[in-house]
Amino acid sequence: MSLTKEERNYIKKLGKRIVAIREEKGIKQKELSDLLDMDDGSLRRIESGRTNPTTTTLLSLSNALGVDISELFNF
């Protein structure tokens, strides 16, 4: 199932928000991918909005970043 333009834009906003939080916390992309035990390419795809992360991935991201999961959607 392909995503609508609105859905693609939402995923891009989510990725930008993750980047913003990561940078606010002073965490490098590689450090975060290591914390998540995730391939850094996978994290790059999430942050660039090229992939739709699962809810469990979002939960892991929020835990690793030390924020409530709702903060990921505060854009």
PDB file of N, CA and C in Angstrom:
ATOM      1  N   MET A   1       0.840  -1.174   0.000  1.00  0.00           N
ATOM      2  CA  MET A   1       0.000   0.000   0.000  1.00  0.00           C
ATOM      3  C   MET A   1       0.890   1.244   0.000  1.00  0.00           C
ATOM      4  N   SER A   2       0.716   2.080  -0.969  1.00  0.00           N
ATOM      5  CA  SER A   2       1.537   3.289  -1.030  1.00  0.00           C
ATOM      6  C   SER A   2       0.895   4.386  -0.176  1.00  0.00           C
ATOM      7  N   LEU A   3       1.738   5.275   0.291  1.00  0.00           N
ATOM      8  CA  LEU A   3       1.288   6.341   1.175  1.00  0.00           C
ATOM      9  C   LEU A   3       0.788   7.535   0.373  1.00  0.00           C
ATOM     10  N   THR A   4      -0.143   8.261   0.959  1.00  0.00           N
ATOM     11  CA  THR A   4      -0.616   9.492   0.330  1.00  0.00           C
ATOM     12  C   THR A   4       0.431  10.583   0.551  1.00  0.00           C
ATOM     13  N   LYS A   5       0.283  11.667  -0.157  1.00  0.00           N
ATOM     14  CA  LYS A   5       1.200  12.795   0.002  1.00  0.00           C
ATOM     15  C   LYS A   5       1.147  13.320   1.437  1.00  0.00           C
ATOM     16  N   GLU A   6      -0.036  13.396   1.999  1.00  0.00           N
ATOM     17  CA  GLU A   6      -0.204  13.861   3.378  1.00  0.00           C
ATOM     18  C   GLU A   6       0.529  12.931   4.360  1.00  0.00           C
ATOM     19  N   GLU A   7       0.416  11.630   4.145  1.00  0.00           N
ATOM     20  CA  GLU A   7       1.096  10.669   5.014  1.00  0.00           C
ATOM     21  C   GLU A   7       2.613  10.781   4.889  1.00  0.00           C
ATOM     22  N   ARG A   8       3.109  10.941   3.670  1.00  0.00           N
ATOM     23  CA  ARG A   8       4.555  11.107   3.456  1.00  0.00           C
ATOM     24  C   ARG A   8       5.061  12.368   4.153  1.00  0.00           C
ATOM     25  N   ASN A   9       4.300  13.460   4.059  1.00  0.00           N
ATOM     26  CA  ASN A   9       4.686  14.706   4.720  1.00  0.00           C
ATOM     27  C   ASN A   9       4.713  14.543   6.233  1.00  0.00           C
ATOM     28  N   TYR A  10       3.765  13.809   6.771  1.00  0.00           N
ATOM     29  CA  TYR A  10       3.702  13.571   8.213  1.00  0.00           C
ATOM     30  C   TYR A  10       4.933  12.798   8.677  1.00  0.00           C
ATOM     31  N   ILE A  11       5.320  11.774   7.916  1.00  0.00           N
ATOM     32  CA  ILE A  11       6.488  10.968   8.267  1.00  0.00           C
ATOM     33  C   ILE A  11       7.764  11.816   8.188  1.00  0.00           C
ATOM     34  N   LYS A  12       7.827  12.736   7.225  1.00  0.00           N
ATOM     35  CA  LYS A  12       8.989  13.637   7.129  1.00  0.00           C
ATOM     36  C   LYS A  12       9.052  14.562   8.338  1.00  0.00           C
ATOM     37  N   LYS A  13       7.895  15.090   8.768  1.00  0.00           N
ATOM     38  CA  LYS A  13       7.855  15.947   9.954  1.00  0.00           C
ATOM     39  C   LYS A  13       8.300  15.169  11.194  1.00  0.00           C
ATOM     40  N   LEU A  14       7.863  13.933  11.299  1.00  0.00           N
ATOM     41  CA  LEU A  14       8.262  13.083  12.418  1.00  0.00           C
ATOM     42  C   LEU A  14       9.776  12.902  12.420  1.00  0.00           C
ATOM     43  N   GLY A  15      10.350  12.626  11.274  1.00  0.00           N
ATOM     44  CA  GLY A  15      11.797  12.456  11.165  1.00  0.00           C
ATOM     45  C   GLY A  15      12.549  13.710  11.560  1.00  0.00           C
ATOM     46  N   LYS A  16      12.065  14.869  11.109  1.00  0.00           N
ATOM     47  CA  LYS A  16      12.711  16.138  11.462  1.00  0.00           C
ATOM     48  C   LYS A  16      12.625  16.392  12.959  1.00  0.00           C
ATOM     49  N   ARG A  17      11.507  16.002  13.568  1.00  0.00           N
ATOM     50  CA  ARG A  17      11.336  16.184  15.011  1.00  0.00           C
ATOM     51  C   ARG A  17      12.321  15.296  15.774  1.00  0.00           C
ATOM     52  N   ILE A  18      12.513  14.078  15.318  1.00  0.00           N
ATOM     53  CA  ILE A  18      13.466  13.167  15.951  1.00  0.00           C
ATOM     54  C   ILE A  18      14.872  13.759  15.873  1.00  0.00           C
ATOM     55  N   VAL A  19      15.230  14.287  14.717  1.00  0.00           N
ATOM     56  CA  VAL A  19      16.539  14.929  14.554  1.00  0.00           C
ATOM     57  C   VAL A  19      16.673  16.096  15.524  1.00  0.00           C
ATOM     58  N   ALA A  20      15.645  16.931  15.609  1.00  0.00           N
ATOM     59  CA  ALA A  20      15.695  18.106  16.478  1.00  0.00           C
ATOM     60  C   ALA A  20      15.910  17.697  17.941  1.00  0.00           C
ATOM     61  N   ILE A  21      15.192  16.698  18.403  1.00  0.00           N
ATOM     62  CA  ILE A  21      15.338  16.240  19.787  1.00  0.00           C
ATOM     63  C   ILE A  21      16.733  15.661  19.994  1.00  0.00           C
ATOM     64  N   ARG A  22      17.183  14.852  19.051  1.00  0.00           N
ATOM     65  CA  ARG A  22      18.512  14.234  19.163  1.00  0.00           C
ATOM     66  C   ARG A  22      19.589  15.315  19.265  1.00  0.00           C
ATOM     67  N   GLU A  23      19.484  16.327  18.423  1.00  0.00           N
ATOM     68  CA  GLU A  23      20.474  17.408  18.428  1.00  0.00           C
ATOM     69  C   GLU A  23      20.385  18.247  19.701  1.00  0.00           C
ATOM     70  N   GLU A  24      19.154  18.486  20.199  1.00  0.00           N
ATOM     71  CA  GLU A  24      18.978  19.207  21.470  1.00  0.00           C
ATOM     72  C   GLU A  24      19.682  18.477  22.613  1.00  0.00           C
ATOM     73  N   LYS A  25      19.659  17.157  22.549  1.00  0.00           N
ATOM     74  CA  LYS A  25      20.267  16.332  23.588  1.00  0.00           C
ATOM     75  C   LYS A  25      21.769  16.149  23.374  1.00  0.00           C
ATOM     76  N   GLY A  26      22.280  16.628  22.241  1.00  0.00           N
ATOM     77  CA  GLY A  26      23.705  16.508  21.943  1.00  0.00           C
ATOM     78  C   GLY A  26      24.136  15.087  21.621  1.00  0.00           C
ATOM     79  N   ILE A  27      23.216  14.325  21.033  1.00  0.00           N
ATOM     80  CA  ILE A  27      23.502  12.931  20.687  1.00  0.00           C
ATOM     81  C   ILE A  27      23.776  12.832  19.191  1.00  0.00           C
ATOM     82  N   LYS A  28      24.863  12.204  18.837  1.00  0.00           N
ATOM     83  CA  LYS A  28      25.186  11.991  17.427  1.00  0.00           C
ATOM     84  C   LYS A  28      24.331  10.838  16.887  1.00  0.00           C
ATOM     85  N   GLN A  29      24.102  10.862  15.586  1.00  0.00           N
ATOM     86  CA  GLN A  29      23.273   9.843  14.950  1.00  0.00           C
ATOM     87  C   GLN A  29      23.813   8.438  15.229  1.00  0.00           C
ATOM     88  N   LYS A  30      25.112   8.273  15.117  1.00  0.00           N
ATOM     89  CA  LYS A  30      25.734   6.963  15.352  1.00  0.00           C
ATOM     90  C   LYS A  30      25.541   6.523  16.800  1.00  0.00           C
ATOM     91  N   GLU A  31      25.640   7.459  17.738  1.00  0.00           N
ATOM     92  CA  GLU A  31      25.425   7.132  19.150  1.00  0.00           C
ATOM     93  C   GLU A  31      24.004   6.628  19.373  1.00  0.00           C
ATOM     94  N   LEU A  32      23.035   7.310  18.766  1.00  0.00           N
ATOM     95  CA  LEU A  32      21.643   6.906  18.926  1.00  0.00           C
ATOM     96  C   LEU A  32      21.393   5.543  18.299  1.00  0.00           C
ATOM     97  N   SER A  33      21.935   5.316  17.125  1.00  0.00           N
ATOM     98  CA  SER A  33      21.730   4.005  16.487  1.00  0.00           C
ATOM     99  C   SER A  33      22.357   2.898  17.328  1.00  0.00           C
ATOM    100  N   ASP A  34      23.495   3.188  17.974  1.00  0.00           N
ATOM    101  CA  ASP A  34      24.112   2.200  18.870  1.00  0.00           C
ATOM    102  C   ASP A  34      23.238   1.952  20.089  1.00  0.00           C
ATOM    103  N   LEU A  35      22.693   3.018  20.672  1.00  0.00           N
ATOM    104  CA  LEU A  35      21.799   2.871  21.825  1.00  0.00           C
ATOM    105  C   LEU A  35      20.585   2.013  21.489  1.00  0.00           C
ATOM    106  N   LEU A  36      20.109   2.165  20.263  1.00  0.00           N
ATOM    107  CA  LEU A  36      18.917   1.440  19.819  1.00  0.00           C
ATOM    108  C   LEU A  36      19.240   0.049  19.284  1.00  0.00           C
ATOM    109  N   ASP A  37      20.546  -0.248  19.167  1.00  0.00           N
ATOM    110  CA  ASP A  37      20.976  -1.495  18.534  1.00  0.00           C
ATOM    111  C   ASP A  37      20.356  -1.603  17.141  1.00  0.00           C
ATOM    112  N   MET A  38      20.458  -0.490  16.421  1.00  0.00           N
ATOM    113  CA  MET A  38      19.862  -0.348  15.094  1.00  0.00           C
ATOM    114  C   MET A  38      20.952   0.031  14.097  1.00  0.00           C
ATOM    115  N   ASP A  39      20.848  -0.485  12.910  1.00  0.00           N
ATOM    116  CA  ASP A  39      21.748  -0.093  11.832  1.00  0.00           C
ATOM    117  C   ASP A  39      21.629   1.413  11.618  1.00  0.00           C
ATOM    118  N   ASP A  40      22.761   2.120  11.488  1.00  0.00           N
ATOM    119  CA  ASP A  40      22.687   3.568  11.335  1.00  0.00           C
ATOM    120  C   ASP A  40      21.958   3.984  10.059  1.00  0.00           C
ATOM    121  N   GLY A  41      21.983   3.134   9.046  1.00  0.00           N
ATOM    122  CA  GLY A  41      21.230   3.422   7.821  1.00  0.00           C
ATOM    123  C   GLY A  41      19.729   3.425   8.076  1.00  0.00           C
ATOM    124  N   SER A  42      19.279   2.549   8.945  1.00  0.00           N
ATOM    125  CA  SER A  42      17.851   2.515   9.294  1.00  0.00           C
ATOM    126  C   SER A  42      17.446   3.798  10.010  1.00  0.00           C
ATOM    127  N   LEU A  43      18.290   4.251  10.928  1.00  0.00           N
ATOM    128  CA  LEU A  43      17.999   5.498  11.629  1.00  0.00           C
ATOM    129  C   LEU A  43      18.010   6.671  10.651  1.00  0.00           C
ATOM    130  N   ARG A  44      18.941   6.682   9.715  1.00  0.00           N
ATOM    131  CA  ARG A  44      18.984   7.753   8.705  1.00  0.00           C
ATOM    132  C   ARG A  44      17.681   7.793   7.905  1.00  0.00           C
ATOM    133  N   ARG A  45      17.161   6.619   7.548  1.00  0.00           N
ATOM    134  CA  ARG A  45      15.908   6.563   6.780  1.00  0.00           C
ATOM    135  C   ARG A  45      14.736   7.094   7.607  1.00  0.00           C
ATOM    136  N   ILE A  46      14.724   6.800   8.898  1.00  0.00           N
ATOM    137  CA  ILE A  46      13.663   7.320   9.767  1.00  0.00           C
ATOM    138  C   ILE A  46      13.774   8.835   9.866  1.00  0.00           C
ATOM    139  N   GLU A  47      14.982   9.318  10.137  1.00  0.00           N
ATOM    140  CA  GLU A  47      15.182  10.754  10.316  1.00  0.00           C
ATOM    141  C   GLU A  47      14.938  11.555   9.040  1.00  0.00           C
ATOM    142  N   SER A  48      15.152  10.958   7.909  1.00  0.00           N
ATOM    143  CA  SER A  48      14.926  11.669   6.647  1.00  0.00           C
ATOM    144  C   SER A  48      13.490  11.504   6.149  1.00  0.00           C
ATOM    145  N   GLY A  49      12.701  10.707   6.858  1.00  0.00           N
ATOM    146  CA  GLY A  49      11.313  10.517   6.467  1.00  0.00           C
ATOM    147  C   GLY A  49      11.118   9.578   5.310  1.00  0.00           C
ATOM    148  N   ARG A  50      12.113   8.726   5.069  1.00  0.00           N
ATOM    149  CA  ARG A  50      12.004   7.787   3.951  1.00  0.00           C
ATOM    150  C   ARG A  50      11.403   6.449   4.355  1.00  0.00           C
ATOM    151  N   THR A  51      11.182   6.265   5.671  1.00  0.00           N
ATOM    152  CA  THR A  51      10.561   5.033   6.129  1.00  0.00           C
ATOM    153  C   THR A  51       9.600   5.347   7.259  1.00  0.00           C
ATOM    154  N   ASN A  52       8.578   4.530   7.396  1.00  0.00           N
ATOM    155  CA  ASN A  52       7.545   4.705   8.401  1.00  0.00           C
ATOM    156  C   ASN A  52       7.884   3.808   9.591  1.00  0.00           C
ATOM    157  N   PRO A  53       8.391   4.391  10.694  1.00  0.00           N
ATOM    158  CA  PRO A  53       8.806   3.565  11.828  1.00  0.00           C
ATOM    159  C   PRO A  53       7.615   2.914  12.528  1.00  0.00           C
ATOM    160  N   THR A  54       7.854   1.737  13.079  1.00  0.00           N
ATOM    161  CA  THR A  54       6.812   1.039  13.821  1.00  0.00           C
ATOM    162  C   THR A  54       6.605   1.708  15.175  1.00  0.00           C
ATOM    163  N   THR A  55       5.517   1.385  15.818  1.00  0.00           N
ATOM    164  CA  THR A  55       5.254   1.952  17.141  1.00  0.00           C
ATOM    165  C   THR A  55       6.308   1.496  18.147  1.00  0.00           C
ATOM    166  N   THR A  56       6.786   0.275  18.027  1.00  0.00           N
ATOM    167  CA  THR A  56       7.816  -0.188  18.957  1.00  0.00           C
ATOM    168  C   THR A  56       9.137   0.543  18.718  1.00  0.00           C
ATOM    169  N   THR A  57       9.440   0.852  17.477  1.00  0.00           N
ATOM    170  CA  THR A  57      10.641   1.631  17.174  1.00  0.00           C
ATOM    171  C   THR A  57      10.509   3.036  17.744  1.00  0.00           C
ATOM    172  N   LEU A  58       9.332   3.630  17.621  1.00  0.00           N
ATOM    173  CA  LEU A  58       9.108   4.965  18.173  1.00  0.00           C
ATOM    174  C   LEU A  58       9.234   4.951  19.694  1.00  0.00           C
ATOM    175  N   LEU A  59       8.748   3.909  20.328  1.00  0.00           N
ATOM    176  CA  LEU A  59       8.878   3.785  21.779  1.00  0.00           C
ATOM    177  C   LEU A  59      10.352   3.671  22.169  1.00  0.00           C
ATOM    178  N   SER A  60      11.098   2.870  21.437  1.00  0.00           N
ATOM    179  CA  SER A  60      12.535   2.734  21.700  1.00  0.00           C
ATOM    180  C   SER A  60      13.256   4.064  21.502  1.00  0.00           C
ATOM    181  N   LEU A  61      12.904   4.781  20.444  1.00  0.00           N
ATOM    182  CA  LEU A  61      13.499   6.094  20.176  1.00  0.00           C
ATOM    183  C   LEU A  61      13.215   7.066  21.317  1.00  0.00           C
ATOM    184  N   SER A  62      11.970   7.117  21.754  1.00  0.00           N
ATOM    185  CA  SER A  62      11.623   8.048  22.827  1.00  0.00           C
ATOM    186  C   SER A  62      12.354   7.699  24.114  1.00  0.00           C
ATOM    187  N   ASN A  63      12.472   6.411  24.421  1.00  0.00           N
ATOM    188  CA  ASN A  63      13.213   5.989  25.615  1.00  0.00           C
ATOM    189  C   ASN A  63      14.686   6.359  25.513  1.00  0.00           C
ATOM    190  N   ALA A  64      15.286   6.119  24.359  1.00  0.00           N
ATOM    191  CA  ALA A  64      16.709   6.412  24.164  1.00  0.00           C
ATOM    192  C   ALA A  64      16.973   7.920  24.234  1.00  0.00           C
ATOM    193  N   LEU A  65      15.996   8.712  23.783  1.00  0.00           N
ATOM    194  CA  LEU A  65      16.147  10.166  23.798  1.00  0.00           C
ATOM    195  C   LEU A  65      15.712  10.780  25.136  1.00  0.00           C
ATOM    196  N   GLY A  66      15.115   9.976  25.988  1.00  0.00           N
ATOM    197  CA  GLY A  66      14.698  10.456  27.301  1.00  0.00           C
ATOM    198  C   GLY A  66      13.504  11.395  27.265  1.00  0.00           C
ATOM    199  N   VAL A  67      12.603  11.142  26.317  1.00  0.00           N
ATOM    200  CA  VAL A  67      11.399  11.966  26.207  1.00  0.00           C
ATOM    201  C   VAL A  67      10.173  11.063  26.138  1.00  0.00           C
ATOM    202  N   ASP A  68       9.025  11.632  26.470  1.00  0.00           N
ATOM    203  CA  ASP A  68       7.778  10.906  26.307  1.00  0.00           C
ATOM    204  C   ASP A  68       7.511  10.723  24.811  1.00  0.00           C
ATOM    205  N   ILE A  69       6.911   9.618  24.465  1.00  0.00           N
ATOM    206  CA  ILE A  69       6.675   9.329  23.039  1.00  0.00           C
ATOM    207  C   ILE A  69       5.861  10.442  22.371  1.00  0.00           C
ATOM    208  N   SER A  70       4.996  11.103  23.132  1.00  0.00           N
ATOM    209  CA  SER A  70       4.185  12.186  22.551  1.00  0.00           C
ATOM    210  C   SER A  70       5.053  13.344  22.066  1.00  0.00           C
ATOM    211  N   GLU A  71       6.239  13.519  22.653  1.00  0.00           N
ATOM    212  CA  GLU A  71       7.150  14.592  22.230  1.00  0.00           C
ATOM    213  C   GLU A  71       7.624  14.398  20.790  1.00  0.00           C
ATOM    214  N   LEU A  72       7.664  13.152  20.326  1.00  0.00           N
ATOM    215  CA  LEU A  72       8.087  12.890  18.950  1.00  0.00           C
ATOM    216  C   LEU A  72       7.104  13.483  17.954  1.00  0.00           C
ATOM    217  N   PHE A  73       5.860  13.643  18.403  1.00  0.00           N
ATOM    218  CA  PHE A  73       4.806  14.138  17.512  1.00  0.00           C
ATOM    219  C   PHE A  73       4.460  15.600  17.758  1.00  0.00           C
ATOM    220  N   ASN A  74       5.300  16.278  18.521  1.00  0.00           N
ATOM    221  CA  ASN A  74       5.065  17.685  18.857  1.00  0.00           C
ATOM    222  C   ASN A  74       5.691  18.585  17.787  1.00  0.00           C
ATOM    223  N   PHE A  75       5.059  18.594  16.615  1.00  0.00           N
ATOM    224  CA  PHE A  75       5.559  19.436  15.520  1.00  0.00           C
ATOM    225  C   PHE A  75       4.440  20.210  14.877  1.00  0.00           C
TER     226      PHE A  75
END
